[in-house]
Amino acid sequence: DRALAHNRELYTRLFDSGPARRDK
């Protein structure tokens, strides 16, 4: 999680796709 948080700067935009368990 720490590395994922650091990598947020990679992206121009991020989409909130919903809860952790959701039909793919």
mmCIF file of all heavy atoms, coordinates in Angstrom:
data_MODEL
# 
_entry.id   MODEL 
# 
loop_
_atom_site.group_PDB 
_atom_site.id 
_atom_site.type_symbol 
_atom_site.label_atom_id 
_atom_site.label_alt_id 
_atom_site.label_comp_id 
_atom_site.label_asym_id 
_atom_site.label_entity_id 
_atom_site.label_seq_id 
_atom_site.pdbx_PDB_ins_code 
_atom_site.Cartn_x 
_atom_site.Cartn_y 
_atom_site.Cartn_z 
_atom_site.occupancy 
_atom_site.B_iso_or_equiv 
_atom_site.pdbx_formal_charge 
_atom_site.auth_seq_id 
_atom_site.auth_comp_id 
_atom_site.auth_asym_id 
_atom_site.auth_atom_id 
_atom_site.pdbx_PDB_model_num 
ATOM 1   N N   . ASP A 1 1  ? 0.813   -1.217  0.000   1.00 0.00 ? 1  ASP A N   1 
ATOM 2   C CA  . ASP A 1 1  ? 0.000   0.000   0.000   1.00 0.00 ? 1  ASP A CA  1 
ATOM 3   C C   . ASP A 1 1  ? 0.848   1.270   0.000   1.00 0.00 ? 1  ASP A C   1 
ATOM 4   O O   . ASP A 1 1  ? 0.499   2.265   -0.644  1.00 0.00 ? 1  ASP A O   1 
ATOM 5   C CB  . ASP A 1 1  ? -0.947  0.008   1.216   1.00 0.00 ? 1  ASP A CB  1 
ATOM 6   C CG  . ASP A 1 1  ? -2.220  -0.793  0.961   1.00 0.00 ? 1  ASP A CG  1 
ATOM 7   O OD1 . ASP A 1 1  ? -2.490  -1.126  -0.209  1.00 0.00 ? 1  ASP A OD1 1 
ATOM 8   O OD2 . ASP A 1 1  ? -2.943  -1.093  1.923   1.00 0.00 ? 1  ASP A OD2 1 
ATOM 9   N N   . ARG A 1 2  ? 1.955   1.238   0.697   1.00 0.00 ? 2  ARG A N   1 
ATOM 10  C CA  . ARG A 1 2  ? 2.808   2.433   0.733   1.00 0.00 ? 2  ARG A CA  1 
ATOM 11  C C   . ARG A 1 2  ? 3.372   2.730   -0.652  1.00 0.00 ? 2  ARG A C   1 
ATOM 12  O O   . ARG A 1 2  ? 3.378   3.889   -1.095  1.00 0.00 ? 2  ARG A O   1 
ATOM 13  C CB  . ARG A 1 2  ? 3.941   2.223   1.743   1.00 0.00 ? 2  ARG A CB  1 
ATOM 14  C CG  . ARG A 1 2  ? 4.788   3.464   1.987   1.00 0.00 ? 2  ARG A CG  1 
ATOM 15  C CD  . ARG A 1 2  ? 5.762   3.224   3.123   1.00 0.00 ? 2  ARG A CD  1 
ATOM 16  N NE  . ARG A 1 2  ? 6.604   4.386   3.348   1.00 0.00 ? 2  ARG A NE  1 
ATOM 17  C CZ  . ARG A 1 2  ? 7.535   4.450   4.292   1.00 0.00 ? 2  ARG A CZ  1 
ATOM 18  N NH1 . ARG A 1 2  ? 7.716   3.413   5.117   1.00 0.00 ? 2  ARG A NH1 1 
ATOM 19  N NH2 . ARG A 1 2  ? 8.267   5.535   4.430   1.00 0.00 ? 2  ARG A NH2 1 
ATOM 20  N N   . ALA A 1 3  ? 3.821   1.686   -1.344  1.00 0.00 ? 3  ALA A N   1 
ATOM 21  C CA  . ALA A 1 3  ? 4.371   1.884   -2.689  1.00 0.00 ? 3  ALA A CA  1 
ATOM 22  C C   . ALA A 1 3  ? 3.278   2.293   -3.668  1.00 0.00 ? 3  ALA A C   1 
ATOM 23  O O   . ALA A 1 3  ? 3.509   3.130   -4.555  1.00 0.00 ? 3  ALA A O   1 
ATOM 24  C CB  . ALA A 1 3  ? 5.057   0.603   -3.171  1.00 0.00 ? 3  ALA A CB  1 
ATOM 25  N N   . LEU A 1 4  ? 2.087   1.724   -3.520  1.00 0.00 ? 4  LEU A N   1 
ATOM 26  C CA  . LEU A 1 4  ? 0.975   2.108   -4.390  1.00 0.00 ? 4  LEU A CA  1 
ATOM 27  C C   . LEU A 1 4  ? 0.615   3.577   -4.189  1.00 0.00 ? 4  LEU A C   1 
ATOM 28  O O   . LEU A 1 4  ? 0.328   4.289   -5.154  1.00 0.00 ? 4  LEU A O   1 
ATOM 29  C CB  . LEU A 1 4  ? -0.238  1.221   -4.110  1.00 0.00 ? 4  LEU A CB  1 
ATOM 30  C CG  . LEU A 1 4  ? -0.143  -0.227  -4.589  1.00 0.00 ? 4  LEU A CG  1 
ATOM 31  C CD1 . LEU A 1 4  ? -1.255  -1.074  -3.971  1.00 0.00 ? 4  LEU A CD1 1 
ATOM 32  C CD2 . LEU A 1 4  ? -0.210  -0.308  -6.113  1.00 0.00 ? 4  LEU A CD2 1 
ATOM 33  N N   . ALA A 1 5  ? 0.629   4.017   -2.939  1.00 0.00 ? 5  ALA A N   1 
ATOM 34  C CA  . ALA A 1 5  ? 0.336   5.423   -2.671  1.00 0.00 ? 5  ALA A CA  1 
ATOM 35  C C   . ALA A 1 5  ? 1.390   6.321   -3.302  1.00 0.00 ? 5  ALA A C   1 
ATOM 36  O O   . ALA A 1 5  ? 1.069   7.376   -3.879  1.00 0.00 ? 5  ALA A O   1 
ATOM 37  C CB  . ALA A 1 5  ? 0.264   5.657   -1.162  1.00 0.00 ? 5  ALA A CB  1 
ATOM 38  N N   . HIS A 1 6  ? 2.647   5.907   -3.235  1.00 0.00 ? 6  HIS A N   1 
ATOM 39  C CA  . HIS A 1 6  ? 3.730   6.689   -3.858  1.00 0.00 ? 6  HIS A CA  1 
ATOM 40  C C   . HIS A 1 6  ? 3.542   6.763   -5.367  1.00 0.00 ? 6  HIS A C   1 
ATOM 41  O O   . HIS A 1 6  ? 3.828   7.793   -5.993  1.00 0.00 ? 6  HIS A O   1 
ATOM 42  C CB  . HIS A 1 6  ? 5.082   6.068   -3.519  1.00 0.00 ? 6  HIS A CB  1 
ATOM 43  C CG  . HIS A 1 6  ? 6.246   6.769   -4.138  1.00 0.00 ? 6  HIS A CG  1 
ATOM 44  N ND1 . HIS A 1 6  ? 6.796   6.366   -5.348  1.00 0.00 ? 6  HIS A ND1 1 
ATOM 45  C CD2 . HIS A 1 6  ? 6.947   7.866   -3.748  1.00 0.00 ? 6  HIS A CD2 1 
ATOM 46  C CE1 . HIS A 1 6  ? 7.799   7.170   -5.659  1.00 0.00 ? 6  HIS A CE1 1 
ATOM 47  N NE2 . HIS A 1 6  ? 7.915   8.091   -4.708  1.00 0.00 ? 6  HIS A NE2 1 
ATOM 48  N N   . ASN A 1 7  ? 3.045   5.671   -5.965  1.00 0.00 ? 7  ASN A N   1 
ATOM 49  C CA  . ASN A 1 7  ? 2.909   5.609   -7.429  1.00 0.00 ? 7  ASN A CA  1 
ATOM 50  C C   . ASN A 1 7  ? 1.705   6.372   -7.962  1.00 0.00 ? 7  ASN A C   1 
ATOM 51  O O   . ASN A 1 7  ? 1.521   6.461   -9.181  1.00 0.00 ? 7  ASN A O   1 
ATOM 52  C CB  . ASN A 1 7  ? 2.818   4.149   -7.885  1.00 0.00 ? 7  ASN A CB  1 
ATOM 53  C CG  . ASN A 1 7  ? 4.166   3.458   -7.886  1.00 0.00 ? 7  ASN A CG  1 
ATOM 54  O OD1 . ASN A 1 7  ? 5.196   4.091   -7.676  1.00 0.00 ? 7  ASN A OD1 1 
ATOM 55  N ND2 . ASN A 1 7  ? 4.155   2.146   -8.107  1.00 0.00 ? 7  ASN A ND2 1 
ATOM 56  N N   . ARG A 1 8  ? 0.911   6.926   -7.096  1.00 0.00 ? 8  ARG A N   1 
ATOM 57  C CA  . ARG A 1 8  ? -0.235  7.703   -7.573  1.00 0.00 ? 8  ARG A CA  1 
ATOM 58  C C   . ARG A 1 8  ? 0.211   8.852   -8.476  1.00 0.00 ? 8  ARG A C   1 
ATOM 59  O O   . ARG A 1 8  ? -0.527  9.277   -9.368  1.00 0.00 ? 8  ARG A O   1 
ATOM 60  C CB  . ARG A 1 8  ? -1.042  8.258   -6.391  1.00 0.00 ? 8  ARG A CB  1 
ATOM 61  C CG  . ARG A 1 8  ? -1.785  7.207   -5.583  1.00 0.00 ? 8  ARG A CG  1 
ATOM 62  C CD  . ARG A 1 8  ? -2.453  7.836   -4.367  1.00 0.00 ? 8  ARG A CD  1 
ATOM 63  N NE  . ARG A 1 8  ? -3.523  8.742   -4.765  1.00 0.00 ? 8  ARG A NE  1 
ATOM 64  C CZ  . ARG A 1 8  ? -4.780  8.374   -4.964  1.00 0.00 ? 8  ARG A CZ  1 
ATOM 65  N NH1 . ARG A 1 8  ? -5.128  7.106   -4.812  1.00 0.00 ? 8  ARG A NH1 1 
ATOM 66  N NH2 . ARG A 1 8  ? -5.692  9.253   -5.325  1.00 0.00 ? 8  ARG A NH2 1 
ATOM 67  N N   . GLU A 1 9  ? 1.425   9.343   -8.242  1.00 0.00 ? 9  GLU A N   1 
ATOM 68  C CA  . GLU A 1 9  ? 1.915   10.460  -9.044  1.00 0.00 ? 9  GLU A CA  1 
ATOM 69  C C   . GLU A 1 9  ? 2.155   10.074  -10.501 1.00 0.00 ? 9  GLU A C   1 
ATOM 70  O O   . GLU A 1 9  ? 2.332   10.944  -11.360 1.00 0.00 ? 9  GLU A O   1 
ATOM 71  C CB  . GLU A 1 9  ? 3.194   11.033  -8.425  1.00 0.00 ? 9  GLU A CB  1 
ATOM 72  C CG  . GLU A 1 9  ? 4.306   10.012  -8.139  1.00 0.00 ? 9  GLU A CG  1 
ATOM 73  C CD  . GLU A 1 9  ? 5.207   9.749   -9.333  1.00 0.00 ? 9  GLU A CD  1 
ATOM 74  O OE1 . GLU A 1 9  ? 5.201   10.603  -10.253 1.00 0.00 ? 9  GLU A OE1 1 
ATOM 75  O OE2 . GLU A 1 9  ? 5.888   8.712   -9.350  1.00 0.00 ? 9  GLU A OE2 1 
ATOM 76  N N   . LEU A 1 10 ? 2.131   8.773   -10.797 1.00 0.00 ? 10 LEU A N   1 
ATOM 77  C CA  . LEU A 1 10 ? 2.283   8.337   -12.192 1.00 0.00 ? 10 LEU A CA  1 
ATOM 78  C C   . LEU A 1 10 ? 1.123   8.805   -13.066 1.00 0.00 ? 10 LEU A C   1 
ATOM 79  O O   . LEU A 1 10 ? 1.305   9.055   -14.262 1.00 0.00 ? 10 LEU A O   1 
ATOM 80  C CB  . LEU A 1 10 ? 2.336   6.804   -12.267 1.00 0.00 ? 10 LEU A CB  1 
ATOM 81  C CG  . LEU A 1 10 ? 3.602   6.076   -11.828 1.00 0.00 ? 10 LEU A CG  1 
ATOM 82  C CD1 . LEU A 1 10 ? 3.359   4.574   -11.882 1.00 0.00 ? 10 LEU A CD1 1 
ATOM 83  C CD2 . LEU A 1 10 ? 4.769   6.464   -12.714 1.00 0.00 ? 10 LEU A CD2 1 
ATOM 84  N N   . TYR A 1 11 ? -0.064  8.892   -12.486 1.00 0.00 ? 11 TYR A N   1 
ATOM 85  C CA  . TYR A 1 11 ? -1.281  8.967   -13.281 1.00 0.00 ? 11 TYR A CA  1 
ATOM 86  C C   . TYR A 1 11 ? -1.804  10.392  -13.416 1.00 0.00 ? 11 TYR A C   1 
ATOM 87  O O   . TYR A 1 11 ? -1.809  11.185  -12.471 1.00 0.00 ? 11 TYR A O   1 
ATOM 88  C CB  . TYR A 1 11 ? -2.364  8.061   -12.666 1.00 0.00 ? 11 TYR A CB  1 
ATOM 89  C CG  . TYR A 1 11 ? -1.899  6.630   -12.559 1.00 0.00 ? 11 TYR A CG  1 
ATOM 90  C CD1 . TYR A 1 11 ? -1.479  6.105   -11.332 1.00 0.00 ? 11 TYR A CD1 1 
ATOM 91  C CD2 . TYR A 1 11 ? -1.819  5.817   -13.685 1.00 0.00 ? 11 TYR A CD2 1 
ATOM 92  C CE1 . TYR A 1 11 ? -1.023  4.799   -11.239 1.00 0.00 ? 11 TYR A CE1 1 
ATOM 93  C CE2 . TYR A 1 11 ? -1.359  4.508   -13.591 1.00 0.00 ? 11 TYR A CE2 1 
ATOM 94  C CZ  . TYR A 1 11 ? -0.959  4.011   -12.372 1.00 0.00 ? 11 TYR A CZ  1 
ATOM 95  O OH  . TYR A 1 11 ? -0.495  2.732   -12.281 1.00 0.00 ? 11 TYR A OH  1 
ATOM 96  N N   . THR A 1 12 ? -2.296  10.667  -14.618 1.00 0.00 ? 12 THR A N   1 
ATOM 97  C CA  . THR A 1 12 ? -2.940  11.949  -14.881 1.00 0.00 ? 12 THR A CA  1 
ATOM 98  C C   . THR A 1 12 ? -4.262  12.034  -14.135 1.00 0.00 ? 12 THR A C   1 
ATOM 99  O O   . THR A 1 12 ? -4.598  13.070  -13.550 1.00 0.00 ? 12 THR A O   1 
ATOM 100 C CB  . THR A 1 12 ? -3.201  12.100  -16.393 1.00 0.00 ? 12 THR A CB  1 
ATOM 101 O OG1 . THR A 1 12 ? -2.045  11.707  -17.124 1.00 0.00 ? 12 THR A OG1 1 
ATOM 102 C CG2 . THR A 1 12 ? -3.572  13.527  -16.735 1.00 0.00 ? 12 THR A CG2 1 
ATOM 103 N N   . ARG A 1 13 ? -5.022  10.938  -14.167 1.00 0.00 ? 13 ARG A N   1 
ATOM 104 C CA  . ARG A 1 13 ? -6.305  10.871  -13.470 1.00 0.00 ? 13 ARG A CA  1 
ATOM 105 C C   . ARG A 1 13 ? -6.529  9.448   -12.977 1.00 0.00 ? 13 ARG A C   1 
ATOM 106 O O   . ARG A 1 13 ? -6.051  8.494   -13.593 1.00 0.00 ? 13 ARG A O   1 
ATOM 107 C CB  . ARG A 1 13 ? -7.472  11.270  -14.389 1.00 0.00 ? 13 ARG A CB  1 
ATOM 108 C CG  . ARG A 1 13 ? -7.536  12.753  -14.742 1.00 0.00 ? 13 ARG A CG  1 
ATOM 109 C CD  . ARG A 1 13 ? -8.756  13.047  -15.612 1.00 0.00 ? 13 ARG A CD  1 
ATOM 110 N NE  . ARG A 1 13 ? -8.674  12.400  -16.912 1.00 0.00 ? 13 ARG A NE  1 
ATOM 111 C CZ  . ARG A 1 13 ? -9.712  11.964  -17.611 1.00 0.00 ? 13 ARG A CZ  1 
ATOM 112 N NH1 . ARG A 1 13 ? -10.942 12.053  -17.102 1.00 0.00 ? 13 ARG A NH1 1 
ATOM 113 N NH2 . ARG A 1 13 ? -9.545  11.419  -18.808 1.00 0.00 ? 13 ARG A NH2 1 
ATOM 114 N N   . LEU A 1 14 ? -7.271  9.319   -11.871 1.00 0.00 ? 14 LEU A N   1 
ATOM 115 C CA  . LEU A 1 14 ? -7.636  8.016   -11.322 1.00 0.00 ? 14 LEU A CA  1 
ATOM 116 C C   . LEU A 1 14 ? -9.150  7.946   -11.177 1.00 0.00 ? 14 LEU A C   1 
ATOM 117 O O   . LEU A 1 14 ? -9.799  8.926   -10.797 1.00 0.00 ? 14 LEU A O   1 
ATOM 118 C CB  . LEU A 1 14 ? -6.973  7.797   -9.960  1.00 0.00 ? 14 LEU A CB  1 
ATOM 119 C CG  . LEU A 1 14 ? -5.459  7.555   -9.976  1.00 0.00 ? 14 LEU A CG  1 
ATOM 120 C CD1 . LEU A 1 14 ? -4.881  7.732   -8.584  1.00 0.00 ? 14 LEU A CD1 1 
ATOM 121 C CD2 . LEU A 1 14 ? -5.151  6.155   -10.511 1.00 0.00 ? 14 LEU A CD2 1 
ATOM 122 N N   . PHE A 1 15 ? -9.704  6.766   -11.475 1.00 0.00 ? 15 PHE A N   1 
ATOM 123 C CA  . PHE A 1 15 ? -11.153 6.560   -11.451 1.00 0.00 ? 15 PHE A CA  1 
ATOM 124 C C   . PHE A 1 15 ? -11.537 5.728   -10.238 1.00 0.00 ? 15 PHE A C   1 
ATOM 125 O O   . PHE A 1 15 ? -10.955 4.663   -9.981  1.00 0.00 ? 15 PHE A O   1 
ATOM 126 C CB  . PHE A 1 15 ? -11.590 5.845   -12.735 1.00 0.00 ? 15 PHE A CB  1 
ATOM 127 C CG  . PHE A 1 15 ? -13.028 5.419   -12.754 1.00 0.00 ? 15 PHE A CG  1 
ATOM 128 C CD1 . PHE A 1 15 ? -14.041 6.352   -12.740 1.00 0.00 ? 15 PHE A CD1 1 
ATOM 129 C CD2 . PHE A 1 15 ? -13.371 4.066   -12.787 1.00 0.00 ? 15 PHE A CD2 1 
ATOM 130 C CE1 . PHE A 1 15 ? -15.380 5.967   -12.762 1.00 0.00 ? 15 PHE A CE1 1 
ATOM 131 C CE2 . PHE A 1 15 ? -14.693 3.660   -12.815 1.00 0.00 ? 15 PHE A CE2 1 
ATOM 132 C CZ  . PHE A 1 15 ? -15.700 4.620   -12.804 1.00 0.00 ? 15 PHE A CZ  1 
ATOM 133 N N   . ASP A 1 16 ? -12.520 6.180   -9.487  1.00 0.00 ? 16 ASP A N   1 
ATOM 134 C CA  . ASP A 1 16 ? -13.050 5.403   -8.365  1.00 0.00 ? 16 ASP A CA  1 
ATOM 135 C C   . ASP A 1 16 ? -14.037 4.382   -8.926  1.00 0.00 ? 16 ASP A C   1 
ATOM 136 O O   . ASP A 1 16 ? -15.161 4.722   -9.304  1.00 0.00 ? 16 ASP A O   1 
ATOM 137 C CB  . ASP A 1 16 ? -13.744 6.331   -7.370  1.00 0.00 ? 16 ASP A CB  1 
ATOM 138 C CG  . ASP A 1 16 ? -14.251 5.584   -6.139  1.00 0.00 ? 16 ASP A CG  1 
ATOM 139 O OD1 . ASP A 1 16 ? -14.169 4.334   -6.116  1.00 0.00 ? 16 ASP A OD1 1 
ATOM 140 O OD2 . ASP A 1 16 ? -14.742 6.244   -5.201  1.00 0.00 ? 16 ASP A OD2 1 
ATOM 141 N N   . SER A 1 17 ? -13.617 3.113   -8.974  1.00 0.00 ? 17 SER A N   1 
ATOM 142 C CA  . SER A 1 17 ? -14.426 2.076   -9.617  1.00 0.00 ? 17 SER A CA  1 
ATOM 143 C C   . SER A 1 17 ? -15.345 1.341   -8.662  1.00 0.00 ? 17 SER A C   1 
ATOM 144 O O   . SER A 1 17 ? -16.000 0.373   -9.049  1.00 0.00 ? 17 SER A O   1 
ATOM 145 C CB  . SER A 1 17 ? -13.509 1.057   -10.309 1.00 0.00 ? 17 SER A CB  1 
ATOM 146 O OG  . SER A 1 17 ? -12.724 0.357   -9.355  1.00 0.00 ? 17 SER A OG  1 
ATOM 147 N N   . GLY A 1 18 ? -15.412 1.783   -7.396  1.00 0.00 ? 18 GLY A N   1 
ATOM 148 C CA  . GLY A 1 18 ? -16.346 1.163   -6.472  1.00 0.00 ? 18 GLY A CA  1 
ATOM 149 C C   . GLY A 1 18 ? -15.662 0.350   -5.397  1.00 0.00 ? 18 GLY A C   1 
ATOM 150 O O   . GLY A 1 18 ? -14.440 0.413   -5.222  1.00 0.00 ? 18 GLY A O   1 
ATOM 151 N N   . PRO A 1 19 ? -16.437 -0.451  -4.652  1.00 0.00 ? 19 PRO A N   1 
ATOM 152 C CA  . PRO A 1 19 ? -15.897 -1.194  -3.510  1.00 0.00 ? 19 PRO A CA  1 
ATOM 153 C C   . PRO A 1 19 ? -14.889 -2.253  -3.933  1.00 0.00 ? 19 PRO A C   1 
ATOM 154 O O   . PRO A 1 19 ? -14.792 -2.621  -5.104  1.00 0.00 ? 19 PRO A O   1 
ATOM 155 C CB  . PRO A 1 19 ? -17.148 -1.829  -2.888  1.00 0.00 ? 19 PRO A CB  1 
ATOM 156 C CG  . PRO A 1 19 ? -18.139 -1.905  -4.005  1.00 0.00 ? 19 PRO A CG  1 
ATOM 157 C CD  . PRO A 1 19 ? -17.881 -0.701  -4.857  1.00 0.00 ? 19 PRO A CD  1 
ATOM 158 N N   . ALA A 1 20 ? -14.149 -2.756  -2.968  1.00 0.00 ? 20 ALA A N   1 
ATOM 159 C CA  . ALA A 1 20 ? -13.107 -3.751  -3.242  1.00 0.00 ? 20 ALA A CA  1 
ATOM 160 C C   . ALA A 1 20 ? -13.684 -5.006  -3.894  1.00 0.00 ? 20 ALA A C   1 
ATOM 161 O O   . ALA A 1 20 ? -13.074 -5.596  -4.783  1.00 0.00 ? 20 ALA A O   1 
ATOM 162 C CB  . ALA A 1 20 ? -12.373 -4.108  -1.958  1.00 0.00 ? 20 ALA A CB  1 
ATOM 163 N N   . ARG A 1 21 ? -14.883 -5.426  -3.449  1.00 0.00 ? 21 ARG A N   1 
ATOM 164 C CA  . ARG A 1 21 ? -15.529 -6.592  -4.047  1.00 0.00 ? 21 ARG A CA  1 
ATOM 165 C C   . ARG A 1 21 ? -16.646 -6.110  -4.960  1.00 0.00 ? 21 ARG A C   1 
ATOM 166 O O   . ARG A 1 21 ? -17.685 -5.634  -4.505  1.00 0.00 ? 21 ARG A O   1 
ATOM 167 C CB  . ARG A 1 21 ? -16.079 -7.507  -2.954  1.00 0.00 ? 21 ARG A CB  1 
ATOM 168 C CG  . ARG A 1 21 ? -15.008 -8.285  -2.220  1.00 0.00 ? 21 ARG A CG  1 
ATOM 169 C CD  . ARG A 1 21 ? -15.595 -9.055  -1.056  1.00 0.00 ? 21 ARG A CD  1 
ATOM 170 N NE  . ARG A 1 21 ? -16.598 -10.026 -1.470  1.00 0.00 ? 21 ARG A NE  1 
ATOM 171 C CZ  . ARG A 1 21 ? -17.391 -10.679 -0.629  1.00 0.00 ? 21 ARG A CZ  1 
ATOM 172 N NH1 . ARG A 1 21 ? -17.314 -10.453 0.659   1.00 0.00 ? 21 ARG A NH1 1 
ATOM 173 N NH2 . ARG A 1 21 ? -18.273 -11.544 -1.076  1.00 0.00 ? 21 ARG A NH2 1 
ATOM 174 N N   . ARG A 1 22 ? -16.390 -6.243  -6.253  1.00 0.00 ? 22 ARG A N   1 
ATOM 175 C CA  . ARG A 1 22 ? -17.386 -5.866  -7.249  1.00 0.00 ? 22 ARG A CA  1 
ATOM 176 C C   . ARG A 1 22 ? -17.186 -6.741  -8.471  1.00 0.00 ? 22 ARG A C   1 
ATOM 177 O O   . ARG A 1 22 ? -16.047 -7.089  -8.822  1.00 0.00 ? 22 ARG A O   1 
ATOM 178 C CB  . ARG A 1 22 ? -17.230 -4.388  -7.634  1.00 0.00 ? 22 ARG A CB  1 
ATOM 179 C CG  . ARG A 1 22 ? -18.307 -3.889  -8.578  1.00 0.00 ? 22 ARG A CG  1 
ATOM 180 C CD  . ARG A 1 22 ? -18.080 -2.461  -9.031  1.00 0.00 ? 22 ARG A CD  1 
ATOM 181 N NE  . ARG A 1 22 ? -19.206 -2.013  -9.859  1.00 0.00 ? 22 ARG A NE  1 
ATOM 182 C CZ  . ARG A 1 22 ? -19.238 -0.853  -10.506 1.00 0.00 ? 22 ARG A CZ  1 
ATOM 183 N NH1 . ARG A 1 22 ? -18.214 -0.016  -10.436 1.00 0.00 ? 22 ARG A NH1 1 
ATOM 184 N NH2 . ARG A 1 22 ? -20.300 -0.524  -11.233 1.00 0.00 ? 22 ARG A NH2 1 
ATOM 185 N N   . ASP A 1 23 ? -18.262 -7.106  -9.135  1.00 0.00 ? 23 ASP A N   1 
ATOM 186 C CA  . ASP A 1 23 ? -18.168 -7.913  -10.346 1.00 0.00 ? 23 ASP A CA  1 
ATOM 187 C C   . ASP A 1 23 ? -17.190 -7.272  -11.325 1.00 0.00 ? 23 ASP A C   1 
ATOM 188 O O   . ASP A 1 23 ? -17.270 -6.077  -11.611 1.00 0.00 ? 23 ASP A O   1 
ATOM 189 C CB  . ASP A 1 23 ? -19.554 -8.036  -10.986 1.00 0.00 ? 23 ASP A CB  1 
ATOM 190 C CG  . ASP A 1 23 ? -19.514 -8.839  -12.269 1.00 0.00 ? 23 ASP A CG  1 
ATOM 191 O OD1 . ASP A 1 23 ? -19.655 -10.061 -12.203 1.00 0.00 ? 23 ASP A OD1 1 
ATOM 192 O OD2 . ASP A 1 23 ? -19.320 -8.225  -13.343 1.00 0.00 ? 23 ASP A OD2 1 
ATOM 193 N N   . LYS A 1 24 ? -16.266 -8.080  -11.835 1.00 0.00 ? 24 LYS A N   1 
ATOM 194 C CA  . LYS A 1 24 ? -15.193 -7.522  -12.668 1.00 0.00 ? 24 LYS A CA  1 
ATOM 195 C C   . LYS A 1 24 ? -15.709 -6.900  -13.953 1.00 0.00 ? 24 LYS A C   1 
ATOM 196 O O   . LYS A 1 24 ? -15.211 -5.851  -14.382 1.00 0.00 ? 24 LYS A O   1 
ATOM 197 C CB  . LYS A 1 24 ? -14.166 -8.606  -12.996 1.00 0.00 ? 24 LYS A CB  1 
ATOM 198 C CG  . LYS A 1 24 ? -13.257 -8.935  -11.837 1.00 0.00 ? 24 LYS A CG  1 
ATOM 199 C CD  . LYS A 1 24 ? -11.999 -9.628  -12.293 1.00 0.00 ? 24 LYS A CD  1 
ATOM 200 C CE  . LYS A 1 24 ? -11.025 -9.735  -11.112 1.00 0.00 ? 24 LYS A CE  1 
ATOM 201 N NZ  . LYS A 1 24 ? -9.707  -10.234 -11.522 1.00 0.00 ? 24 LYS A NZ  1 
# 
